[in-house]
Each structure stands twice: as structure tokens, then as C-alpha cells.
Amino acid sequence: MICGVFPNQDLQESLGFNAYWYDYMTGPTSDVKTGVSGYSYRCDIRSAGKPFGVLKLRYDIGSRVQPNERPALEFDDIPVEFPDTAREVTFEGVEGEGWVWTFDVSIYVAWRYNDNQVLLARLTYWGPEEDLDEQVERFHTILEPALAQIPELASATPTHVT
């Protein structure tokens, strides 16, 4: 089980992502400025070859996400920042709201859970443009069960696995 939520076989068969390295951490976190506390989950997976590079997930307190090297932005501003590609997304069995969009060489999914924790998932994709919509759908399929598991995993015993 990669990063505690992804069966390696599912990554390979559903997405075509051949993982060769991963690192993940879970544990409690807090915002010193606001006094809000919650849990965090970080997952980084590297692919052994094209068309993918990395799969990254960040689950944290607050309402901001940070796509790639861009400045952090508010969850509600995603459709304003990415008007050409952002669209609403849902995940069966996961309460909250979300956005999926593409930018540069990445597919992004942002999800705001009902407890105001936010997850950002990023998959780099260097394949042909005409296959992008299909890859977005496959990414959604892989993420759906993971999004349901991450809050519980993040709140369990703090973990760091490489």
C-alpha cells in the first residue's frame, strides 16, 4: 500500500503510474496565527517513466492550496485563477466540495472537506494533449477511495514512511 491509501497494482493498472519511490507523513498540526488545529497528510510518489512524473497529495488545515510553484490561493478562488480548465468535481462517499483543473504539465484536484480541511492532489503528465481528459478521469478513479481514507489516516498515530 503506497502512502497508506494507494494499492500499487491500482496505480499501475488504472492509471499506468509505475511507482518506484514514495514518502508520506501524517500527524497533528496547528496554525499559530489562528489557533486552529487539525491533522496533516503529505504524500510524494515518483514514477519510473513517462507519461507521469510525480503524484503529490497535501491535506492540511485551512482554506488555501498551493499548486506547484505558484503562490498559495484560496480554495474558493480556484475557478477564478483557472477559468479555462477548472470544473467542479464530486467523489462518491466523500462529503465536501472540489475542483479539478489542468495547468502547465499537471492535473490538479482540490477538495475541501466539511471540517474545513483541504486536500490538494497533483499529477504531472507529459503525455499527448488528446489523452488529457482520459487521464483526468483515471486520476479521479484512483483518488476517490483515497480521499475517503486520508482524514482518518491523518488523525491516527503520527507516521513517517519512506
N, C-alpha and C. Protein backbone atom coordinates (compact mmCIF):
# COMPACT_ATOMS: atom_id res chain seq x y z
N MET A 1 0.86 -1.17 0.00
CA MET A 1 0.00 0.00 0.00
C MET A 1 0.91 1.23 0.00
N ILE A 2 0.83 2.02 -1.03
CA ILE A 2 1.68 3.21 -1.16
C ILE A 2 1.00 4.39 -0.48
N CYS A 3 1.75 5.08 0.35
CA CYS A 3 1.26 6.25 1.10
C CYS A 3 0.03 5.92 1.95
N GLY A 4 -0.13 4.66 2.30
CA GLY A 4 -1.23 4.24 3.16
C GLY A 4 -2.59 4.17 2.50
N VAL A 5 -2.71 4.60 1.23
CA VAL A 5 -4.03 4.65 0.58
C VAL A 5 -4.08 4.14 -0.86
N PHE A 6 -2.95 3.97 -1.51
CA PHE A 6 -2.94 3.57 -2.92
C PHE A 6 -2.38 2.16 -3.09
N PRO A 7 -3.20 1.19 -3.49
CA PRO A 7 -2.63 -0.11 -3.84
C PRO A 7 -1.75 0.07 -5.09
N ASN A 8 -0.52 -0.41 -5.04
CA ASN A 8 0.41 -0.24 -6.16
C ASN A 8 -0.18 -0.79 -7.45
N GLN A 9 -0.87 -1.91 -7.36
CA GLN A 9 -1.47 -2.52 -8.54
C GLN A 9 -2.51 -1.59 -9.17
N ASP A 10 -3.30 -0.89 -8.34
CA ASP A 10 -4.29 0.05 -8.87
C ASP A 10 -3.62 1.21 -9.59
N LEU A 11 -2.53 1.73 -9.01
CA LEU A 11 -1.81 2.82 -9.67
C LEU A 11 -1.32 2.37 -11.04
N GLN A 12 -0.80 1.15 -11.12
CA GLN A 12 -0.28 0.64 -12.38
C GLN A 12 -1.39 0.33 -13.38
N GLU A 13 -2.41 -0.40 -12.93
CA GLU A 13 -3.44 -0.86 -13.87
C GLU A 13 -4.42 0.23 -14.27
N SER A 14 -4.88 1.03 -13.33
CA SER A 14 -5.89 2.05 -13.65
C SER A 14 -5.30 3.30 -14.26
N LEU A 15 -4.13 3.67 -13.76
CA LEU A 15 -3.55 4.95 -14.18
C LEU A 15 -2.35 4.77 -15.10
N GLY A 16 -1.66 3.64 -15.01
CA GLY A 16 -0.43 3.46 -15.77
C GLY A 16 0.75 4.12 -15.08
N PHE A 17 0.64 4.36 -13.78
CA PHE A 17 1.67 5.02 -12.98
C PHE A 17 2.52 3.95 -12.31
N ASN A 18 3.80 3.87 -12.68
CA ASN A 18 4.71 2.87 -12.13
C ASN A 18 5.58 3.50 -11.05
N ALA A 19 5.16 3.35 -9.81
CA ALA A 19 5.86 3.98 -8.69
C ALA A 19 7.17 3.25 -8.39
N TYR A 20 8.24 4.04 -8.17
CA TYR A 20 9.50 3.43 -7.75
C TYR A 20 9.97 3.98 -6.41
N TRP A 21 9.36 5.07 -5.93
CA TRP A 21 9.76 5.68 -4.65
C TRP A 21 8.57 6.45 -4.10
N TYR A 22 8.43 6.43 -2.76
CA TYR A 22 7.40 7.26 -2.14
C TYR A 22 7.81 7.63 -0.73
N ASP A 23 7.18 8.68 -0.24
CA ASP A 23 7.42 9.18 1.11
C ASP A 23 6.10 9.76 1.59
N TYR A 24 5.70 9.40 2.81
CA TYR A 24 4.50 10.04 3.34
C TYR A 24 4.59 10.24 4.84
N MET A 25 3.87 11.26 5.30
CA MET A 25 3.85 11.63 6.70
C MET A 25 2.44 11.99 7.11
N THR A 26 2.09 11.67 8.34
CA THR A 26 0.81 12.08 8.91
C THR A 26 1.05 12.59 10.32
N GLY A 27 0.13 13.39 10.80
CA GLY A 27 0.25 13.83 12.18
C GLY A 27 -0.57 15.07 12.48
N PRO A 28 -0.59 15.45 13.76
CA PRO A 28 -1.32 16.66 14.15
C PRO A 28 -0.60 17.91 13.67
N THR A 29 -1.37 18.98 13.47
CA THR A 29 -0.79 20.25 13.06
C THR A 29 -1.65 21.38 13.63
N SER A 30 -1.09 22.57 13.67
CA SER A 30 -1.87 23.73 14.12
C SER A 30 -1.34 24.98 13.44
N ASP A 31 -2.20 25.98 13.37
CA ASP A 31 -1.84 27.28 12.82
C ASP A 31 -1.64 28.24 13.98
N VAL A 32 -0.42 28.68 14.18
CA VAL A 32 -0.09 29.55 15.32
C VAL A 32 -0.88 30.86 15.26
N LYS A 33 -1.08 31.39 14.06
CA LYS A 33 -1.79 32.68 13.91
C LYS A 33 -3.26 32.58 14.29
N THR A 34 -3.92 31.50 13.86
CA THR A 34 -5.37 31.39 14.09
C THR A 34 -5.73 30.53 15.29
N GLY A 35 -4.79 29.71 15.74
CA GLY A 35 -5.07 28.80 16.84
C GLY A 35 -5.84 27.56 16.42
N VAL A 36 -6.11 27.42 15.13
CA VAL A 36 -6.84 26.27 14.62
C VAL A 36 -5.91 25.06 14.59
N SER A 37 -6.43 23.92 15.00
CA SER A 37 -5.62 22.70 14.94
C SER A 37 -6.37 21.64 14.15
N GLY A 38 -5.64 20.68 13.68
CA GLY A 38 -6.20 19.60 12.88
C GLY A 38 -5.12 18.59 12.59
N TYR A 39 -5.17 18.02 11.39
CA TYR A 39 -4.23 16.98 11.02
C TYR A 39 -3.66 17.23 9.63
N SER A 40 -2.49 16.66 9.39
CA SER A 40 -1.88 16.81 8.07
C SER A 40 -1.51 15.44 7.51
N TYR A 41 -1.44 15.41 6.20
CA TYR A 41 -1.05 14.22 5.45
C TYR A 41 -0.26 14.71 4.26
N ARG A 42 0.92 14.16 4.06
CA ARG A 42 1.76 14.51 2.92
C ARG A 42 2.17 13.21 2.23
N CYS A 43 2.04 13.18 0.91
CA CYS A 43 2.41 12.00 0.14
C CYS A 43 3.11 12.46 -1.14
N ASP A 44 4.28 11.90 -1.39
CA ASP A 44 5.03 12.15 -2.62
C ASP A 44 5.39 10.80 -3.23
N ILE A 45 4.99 10.61 -4.49
CA ILE A 45 5.29 9.36 -5.19
C ILE A 45 5.96 9.72 -6.51
N ARG A 46 7.01 9.01 -6.85
CA ARG A 46 7.70 9.24 -8.13
C ARG A 46 7.45 8.07 -9.06
N SER A 47 7.26 8.41 -10.34
CA SER A 47 7.00 7.41 -11.36
C SER A 47 8.30 6.99 -12.03
N ALA A 48 8.34 5.73 -12.47
CA ALA A 48 9.52 5.20 -13.14
C ALA A 48 9.58 5.60 -14.61
N GLY A 49 8.57 6.28 -15.13
CA GLY A 49 8.64 6.65 -16.53
C GLY A 49 7.45 7.43 -17.03
N LYS A 50 7.59 7.92 -18.25
CA LYS A 50 6.53 8.72 -18.86
C LYS A 50 5.30 7.86 -19.08
N PRO A 51 4.14 8.47 -19.12
CA PRO A 51 3.88 9.91 -19.25
C PRO A 51 3.78 10.65 -17.92
N PHE A 52 4.12 9.99 -16.79
CA PHE A 52 3.95 10.64 -15.49
C PHE A 52 5.29 10.93 -14.84
N GLY A 53 5.28 11.94 -13.98
CA GLY A 53 6.47 12.28 -13.22
C GLY A 53 6.26 12.02 -11.75
N VAL A 54 5.39 12.82 -11.13
CA VAL A 54 5.14 12.70 -9.70
C VAL A 54 3.64 12.77 -9.41
N LEU A 55 3.29 12.19 -8.28
CA LEU A 55 1.95 12.30 -7.72
C LEU A 55 2.14 12.82 -6.31
N LYS A 56 1.55 13.98 -6.01
CA LYS A 56 1.71 14.60 -4.70
C LYS A 56 0.34 14.90 -4.11
N LEU A 57 0.21 14.65 -2.82
CA LEU A 57 -1.01 15.00 -2.09
C LEU A 57 -0.64 15.75 -0.83
N ARG A 58 -1.43 16.79 -0.54
CA ARG A 58 -1.26 17.58 0.68
C ARG A 58 -2.64 17.77 1.29
N TYR A 59 -2.79 17.36 2.54
CA TYR A 59 -4.04 17.51 3.28
C TYR A 59 -3.68 18.30 4.53
N ASP A 60 -4.37 19.42 4.74
CA ASP A 60 -3.99 20.30 5.84
C ASP A 60 -5.17 21.13 6.31
N ILE A 61 -4.96 21.85 7.40
CA ILE A 61 -5.99 22.75 7.91
C ILE A 61 -6.01 24.02 7.07
N GLY A 62 -7.11 24.73 7.12
CA GLY A 62 -7.21 26.00 6.41
C GLY A 62 -7.95 25.88 5.10
N SER A 63 -7.87 26.94 4.32
CA SER A 63 -8.62 27.00 3.07
C SER A 63 -7.74 27.35 1.87
N ARG A 64 -6.42 27.26 2.05
CA ARG A 64 -5.51 27.61 0.97
C ARG A 64 -4.85 26.37 0.37
N VAL A 65 -4.61 26.44 -0.93
CA VAL A 65 -3.88 25.39 -1.64
C VAL A 65 -2.74 26.05 -2.39
N GLN A 66 -1.69 25.29 -2.64
CA GLN A 66 -0.55 25.84 -3.35
C GLN A 66 -0.19 24.96 -4.54
N PRO A 67 -0.77 25.28 -5.71
CA PRO A 67 -0.45 24.50 -6.90
C PRO A 67 0.97 24.78 -7.38
N ASN A 68 1.80 23.76 -7.39
CA ASN A 68 3.15 23.84 -7.93
C ASN A 68 3.94 25.00 -7.36
N GLU A 69 4.58 25.78 -8.21
CA GLU A 69 5.44 26.88 -7.76
C GLU A 69 4.69 28.21 -7.66
N ARG A 70 3.41 28.18 -7.94
CA ARG A 70 2.60 29.40 -7.88
C ARG A 70 2.35 29.78 -6.42
N PRO A 71 1.98 31.04 -6.18
CA PRO A 71 1.62 31.42 -4.81
C PRO A 71 0.37 30.68 -4.34
N ALA A 72 0.26 30.50 -3.04
CA ALA A 72 -0.92 29.84 -2.48
C ALA A 72 -2.16 30.66 -2.81
N LEU A 73 -3.29 29.97 -2.98
CA LEU A 73 -4.53 30.66 -3.26
C LEU A 73 -5.66 30.05 -2.45
N GLU A 74 -6.70 30.84 -2.24
CA GLU A 74 -7.87 30.37 -1.51
C GLU A 74 -8.61 29.32 -2.35
N PHE A 75 -9.13 28.33 -1.69
CA PHE A 75 -9.89 27.28 -2.36
C PHE A 75 -10.98 27.88 -3.25
N ASP A 76 -11.70 28.87 -2.73
CA ASP A 76 -12.80 29.47 -3.49
C ASP A 76 -12.35 30.26 -4.72
N ASP A 77 -11.05 30.57 -4.81
CA ASP A 77 -10.53 31.33 -5.95
C ASP A 77 -10.05 30.45 -7.09
N ILE A 78 -10.08 29.14 -6.93
CA ILE A 78 -9.59 28.24 -7.98
C ILE A 78 -10.27 28.49 -9.33
N PRO A 79 -11.61 28.60 -9.41
CA PRO A 79 -12.22 28.82 -10.73
C PRO A 79 -11.89 30.19 -11.32
N VAL A 80 -11.53 31.14 -10.48
CA VAL A 80 -11.14 32.47 -10.97
C VAL A 80 -9.72 32.42 -11.53
N GLU A 81 -8.83 31.71 -10.84
CA GLU A 81 -7.43 31.60 -11.27
C GLU A 81 -7.25 30.70 -12.48
N PHE A 82 -8.12 29.72 -12.64
CA PHE A 82 -8.00 28.75 -13.74
C PHE A 82 -9.34 28.65 -14.47
N PRO A 83 -9.82 29.77 -15.05
CA PRO A 83 -11.17 29.79 -15.64
C PRO A 83 -11.33 28.88 -16.85
N ASP A 84 -10.27 28.60 -17.56
CA ASP A 84 -10.38 27.80 -18.78
C ASP A 84 -10.48 26.30 -18.53
N THR A 85 -9.94 25.84 -17.39
CA THR A 85 -9.92 24.39 -17.18
C THR A 85 -10.59 23.93 -15.89
N ALA A 86 -10.82 24.81 -14.92
CA ALA A 86 -11.40 24.38 -13.64
C ALA A 86 -12.87 23.99 -13.80
N ARG A 87 -13.20 22.85 -13.21
CA ARG A 87 -14.60 22.43 -13.17
C ARG A 87 -14.86 21.74 -11.84
N GLU A 88 -16.11 21.85 -11.40
CA GLU A 88 -16.48 21.22 -10.13
C GLU A 88 -16.38 19.71 -10.25
N VAL A 89 -16.05 19.08 -9.13
CA VAL A 89 -15.90 17.63 -9.12
C VAL A 89 -16.51 17.09 -7.83
N THR A 90 -17.02 15.87 -7.90
CA THR A 90 -17.53 15.20 -6.70
C THR A 90 -16.87 13.84 -6.60
N PHE A 91 -16.86 13.31 -5.39
CA PHE A 91 -16.34 11.97 -5.14
C PHE A 91 -17.37 11.22 -4.31
N GLU A 92 -17.81 10.09 -4.81
CA GLU A 92 -18.84 9.31 -4.13
C GLU A 92 -18.35 8.89 -2.74
N GLY A 93 -19.20 9.14 -1.75
CA GLY A 93 -18.88 8.74 -0.39
C GLY A 93 -17.98 9.71 0.36
N VAL A 94 -17.64 10.84 -0.25
CA VAL A 94 -16.76 11.81 0.40
C VAL A 94 -17.52 13.14 0.48
N GLU A 95 -17.79 13.58 1.70
CA GLU A 95 -18.52 14.84 1.87
C GLU A 95 -17.58 16.02 1.71
N GLY A 96 -18.08 17.05 1.05
CA GLY A 96 -17.30 18.25 0.82
C GLY A 96 -17.54 18.75 -0.59
N GLU A 97 -16.59 19.53 -1.08
CA GLU A 97 -16.69 20.08 -2.43
C GLU A 97 -15.31 20.14 -3.05
N GLY A 98 -15.28 20.12 -4.40
CA GLY A 98 -13.98 20.07 -5.04
C GLY A 98 -13.92 20.67 -6.42
N TRP A 99 -12.67 20.82 -6.87
CA TRP A 99 -12.35 21.34 -8.20
C TRP A 99 -11.30 20.44 -8.83
N VAL A 100 -11.39 20.28 -10.13
CA VAL A 100 -10.34 19.63 -10.90
C VAL A 100 -9.95 20.61 -12.00
N TRP A 101 -8.65 20.70 -12.31
CA TRP A 101 -8.19 21.56 -13.38
C TRP A 101 -6.82 21.09 -13.86
N THR A 102 -6.46 21.58 -15.03
CA THR A 102 -5.13 21.30 -15.57
C THR A 102 -4.42 22.63 -15.75
N PHE A 103 -3.11 22.58 -15.55
CA PHE A 103 -2.28 23.77 -15.74
C PHE A 103 -0.87 23.29 -16.01
N ASP A 104 -0.26 23.87 -17.03
CA ASP A 104 1.10 23.52 -17.39
C ASP A 104 1.14 22.02 -17.70
N VAL A 105 1.93 21.24 -16.99
CA VAL A 105 2.01 19.79 -17.25
C VAL A 105 1.38 18.99 -16.11
N SER A 106 0.43 19.58 -15.40
CA SER A 106 -0.13 18.91 -14.24
C SER A 106 -1.66 18.86 -14.25
N ILE A 107 -2.17 17.82 -13.62
CA ILE A 107 -3.60 17.67 -13.34
C ILE A 107 -3.75 17.89 -11.84
N TYR A 108 -4.66 18.78 -11.46
CA TYR A 108 -4.86 19.10 -10.05
C TYR A 108 -6.28 18.73 -9.62
N VAL A 109 -6.39 18.30 -8.37
CA VAL A 109 -7.68 18.12 -7.72
C VAL A 109 -7.56 18.76 -6.34
N ALA A 110 -8.48 19.67 -6.04
CA ALA A 110 -8.55 20.27 -4.70
C ALA A 110 -9.88 19.86 -4.09
N TRP A 111 -9.84 19.47 -2.83
CA TRP A 111 -11.04 19.01 -2.14
C TRP A 111 -11.12 19.67 -0.77
N ARG A 112 -12.26 20.30 -0.49
CA ARG A 112 -12.49 20.88 0.84
C ARG A 112 -13.48 19.99 1.56
N TYR A 113 -13.00 19.37 2.63
CA TYR A 113 -13.84 18.51 3.45
C TYR A 113 -14.77 19.37 4.30
N ASN A 114 -15.82 18.76 4.83
CA ASN A 114 -16.80 19.50 5.63
C ASN A 114 -16.22 20.03 6.94
N ASP A 115 -15.07 19.52 7.37
CA ASP A 115 -14.43 20.03 8.58
C ASP A 115 -13.43 21.14 8.27
N ASN A 116 -13.49 21.67 7.04
CA ASN A 116 -12.65 22.77 6.57
C ASN A 116 -11.17 22.42 6.45
N GLN A 117 -10.87 21.15 6.35
CA GLN A 117 -9.52 20.75 5.97
C GLN A 117 -9.53 20.63 4.45
N VAL A 118 -8.40 20.92 3.84
CA VAL A 118 -8.31 20.95 2.38
C VAL A 118 -7.23 19.99 1.90
N LEU A 119 -7.52 19.31 0.80
CA LEU A 119 -6.55 18.42 0.17
C LEU A 119 -6.27 18.94 -1.23
N LEU A 120 -4.99 18.90 -1.62
CA LEU A 120 -4.60 19.22 -2.99
C LEU A 120 -3.81 18.03 -3.52
N ALA A 121 -4.24 17.50 -4.66
CA ALA A 121 -3.54 16.40 -5.32
C ALA A 121 -3.03 16.91 -6.66
N ARG A 122 -1.80 16.53 -7.00
CA ARG A 122 -1.19 16.97 -8.26
C ARG A 122 -0.53 15.77 -8.93
N LEU A 123 -0.84 15.58 -10.20
CA LEU A 123 -0.23 14.53 -11.00
C LEU A 123 0.41 15.18 -12.22
N THR A 124 1.74 15.04 -12.36
CA THR A 124 2.37 15.59 -13.56
C THR A 124 2.16 14.61 -14.70
N TYR A 125 1.86 15.17 -15.87
CA TYR A 125 1.53 14.36 -17.04
C TYR A 125 2.21 14.95 -18.27
N TRP A 126 3.08 14.15 -18.90
CA TRP A 126 3.81 14.61 -20.08
C TRP A 126 3.37 13.87 -21.34
N GLY A 127 2.15 13.37 -21.33
CA GLY A 127 1.64 12.63 -22.48
C GLY A 127 1.00 13.55 -23.50
N PRO A 128 0.43 12.97 -24.54
CA PRO A 128 -0.20 13.77 -25.59
C PRO A 128 -1.44 14.50 -25.08
N GLU A 129 -1.63 15.71 -25.55
CA GLU A 129 -2.75 16.56 -25.14
C GLU A 129 -4.10 15.88 -25.37
N GLU A 130 -4.22 15.13 -26.44
CA GLU A 130 -5.51 14.50 -26.74
C GLU A 130 -5.89 13.42 -25.72
N ASP A 131 -4.95 12.94 -24.94
CA ASP A 131 -5.25 11.94 -23.90
C ASP A 131 -5.51 12.56 -22.53
N LEU A 132 -5.43 13.89 -22.43
CA LEU A 132 -5.52 14.56 -21.14
C LEU A 132 -6.85 14.30 -20.42
N ASP A 133 -7.97 14.43 -21.12
CA ASP A 133 -9.28 14.21 -20.48
C ASP A 133 -9.40 12.80 -19.91
N GLU A 134 -8.88 11.82 -20.65
CA GLU A 134 -8.91 10.44 -20.18
C GLU A 134 -8.06 10.28 -18.92
N GLN A 135 -6.91 10.94 -18.88
CA GLN A 135 -6.04 10.86 -17.70
C GLN A 135 -6.69 11.54 -16.49
N VAL A 136 -7.40 12.63 -16.72
CA VAL A 136 -8.12 13.30 -15.63
C VAL A 136 -9.14 12.34 -15.03
N GLU A 137 -9.87 11.62 -15.86
CA GLU A 137 -10.86 10.66 -15.38
C GLU A 137 -10.20 9.50 -14.62
N ARG A 138 -9.09 9.03 -15.12
CA ARG A 138 -8.38 7.94 -14.43
C ARG A 138 -7.85 8.41 -13.07
N PHE A 139 -7.36 9.65 -13.03
CA PHE A 139 -6.87 10.23 -11.78
C PHE A 139 -8.01 10.30 -10.77
N HIS A 140 -9.18 10.71 -11.22
CA HIS A 140 -10.37 10.78 -10.37
C HIS A 140 -10.67 9.39 -9.78
N THR A 141 -10.61 8.37 -10.62
CA THR A 141 -10.90 7.00 -10.19
C THR A 141 -9.94 6.54 -9.09
N ILE A 142 -8.67 6.87 -9.24
CA ILE A 142 -7.66 6.50 -8.24
C ILE A 142 -7.85 7.28 -6.95
N LEU A 143 -8.21 8.56 -7.06
CA LEU A 143 -8.34 9.41 -5.88
C LEU A 143 -9.57 9.12 -5.04
N GLU A 144 -10.65 8.68 -5.67
CA GLU A 144 -11.92 8.55 -4.95
C GLU A 144 -11.80 7.75 -3.64
N PRO A 145 -11.28 6.52 -3.66
CA PRO A 145 -11.18 5.81 -2.38
C PRO A 145 -10.15 6.43 -1.44
N ALA A 146 -9.10 7.02 -1.98
CA ALA A 146 -8.06 7.64 -1.14
C ALA A 146 -8.61 8.84 -0.37
N LEU A 147 -9.41 9.68 -1.04
CA LEU A 147 -9.96 10.86 -0.37
C LEU A 147 -10.83 10.49 0.81
N ALA A 148 -11.49 9.36 0.73
CA ALA A 148 -12.32 8.91 1.85
C ALA A 148 -11.47 8.42 3.03
N GLN A 149 -10.27 7.93 2.76
CA GLN A 149 -9.41 7.34 3.79
C GLN A 149 -8.45 8.33 4.44
N ILE A 150 -8.05 9.37 3.73
CA ILE A 150 -6.99 10.26 4.21
C ILE A 150 -7.30 10.95 5.53
N PRO A 151 -8.50 11.50 5.76
CA PRO A 151 -8.73 12.15 7.06
C PRO A 151 -8.51 11.21 8.25
N GLU A 152 -8.98 9.98 8.14
CA GLU A 152 -8.79 9.02 9.24
C GLU A 152 -7.32 8.66 9.39
N LEU A 153 -6.64 8.44 8.28
CA LEU A 153 -5.21 8.11 8.32
C LEU A 153 -4.41 9.25 8.94
N ALA A 154 -4.75 10.49 8.57
CA ALA A 154 -4.02 11.66 9.09
C ALA A 154 -4.20 11.81 10.59
N SER A 155 -5.36 11.42 11.11
CA SER A 155 -5.63 11.60 12.54
C SER A 155 -5.17 10.42 13.39
N ALA A 156 -4.68 9.37 12.76
CA ALA A 156 -4.18 8.21 13.51
C ALA A 156 -2.79 8.54 14.08
N THR A 157 -2.11 7.55 14.55
CA THR A 157 -0.77 7.73 15.11
C THR A 157 0.14 8.41 14.09
N PRO A 158 0.87 9.48 14.49
CA PRO A 158 1.79 10.13 13.56
C PRO A 158 2.74 9.11 12.91
N THR A 159 2.92 9.25 11.61
CA THR A 159 3.68 8.28 10.83
C THR A 159 4.59 8.99 9.85
N HIS A 160 5.76 8.41 9.59
CA HIS A 160 6.63 8.85 8.50
C HIS A 160 7.22 7.60 7.86
N VAL A 161 6.89 7.39 6.60
CA VAL A 161 7.34 6.21 5.87
C VAL A 161 8.03 6.66 4.59
N THR A 162 9.22 6.12 4.36
CA THR A 162 9.94 6.39 3.11
C THR A 162 10.20 5.09 2.41
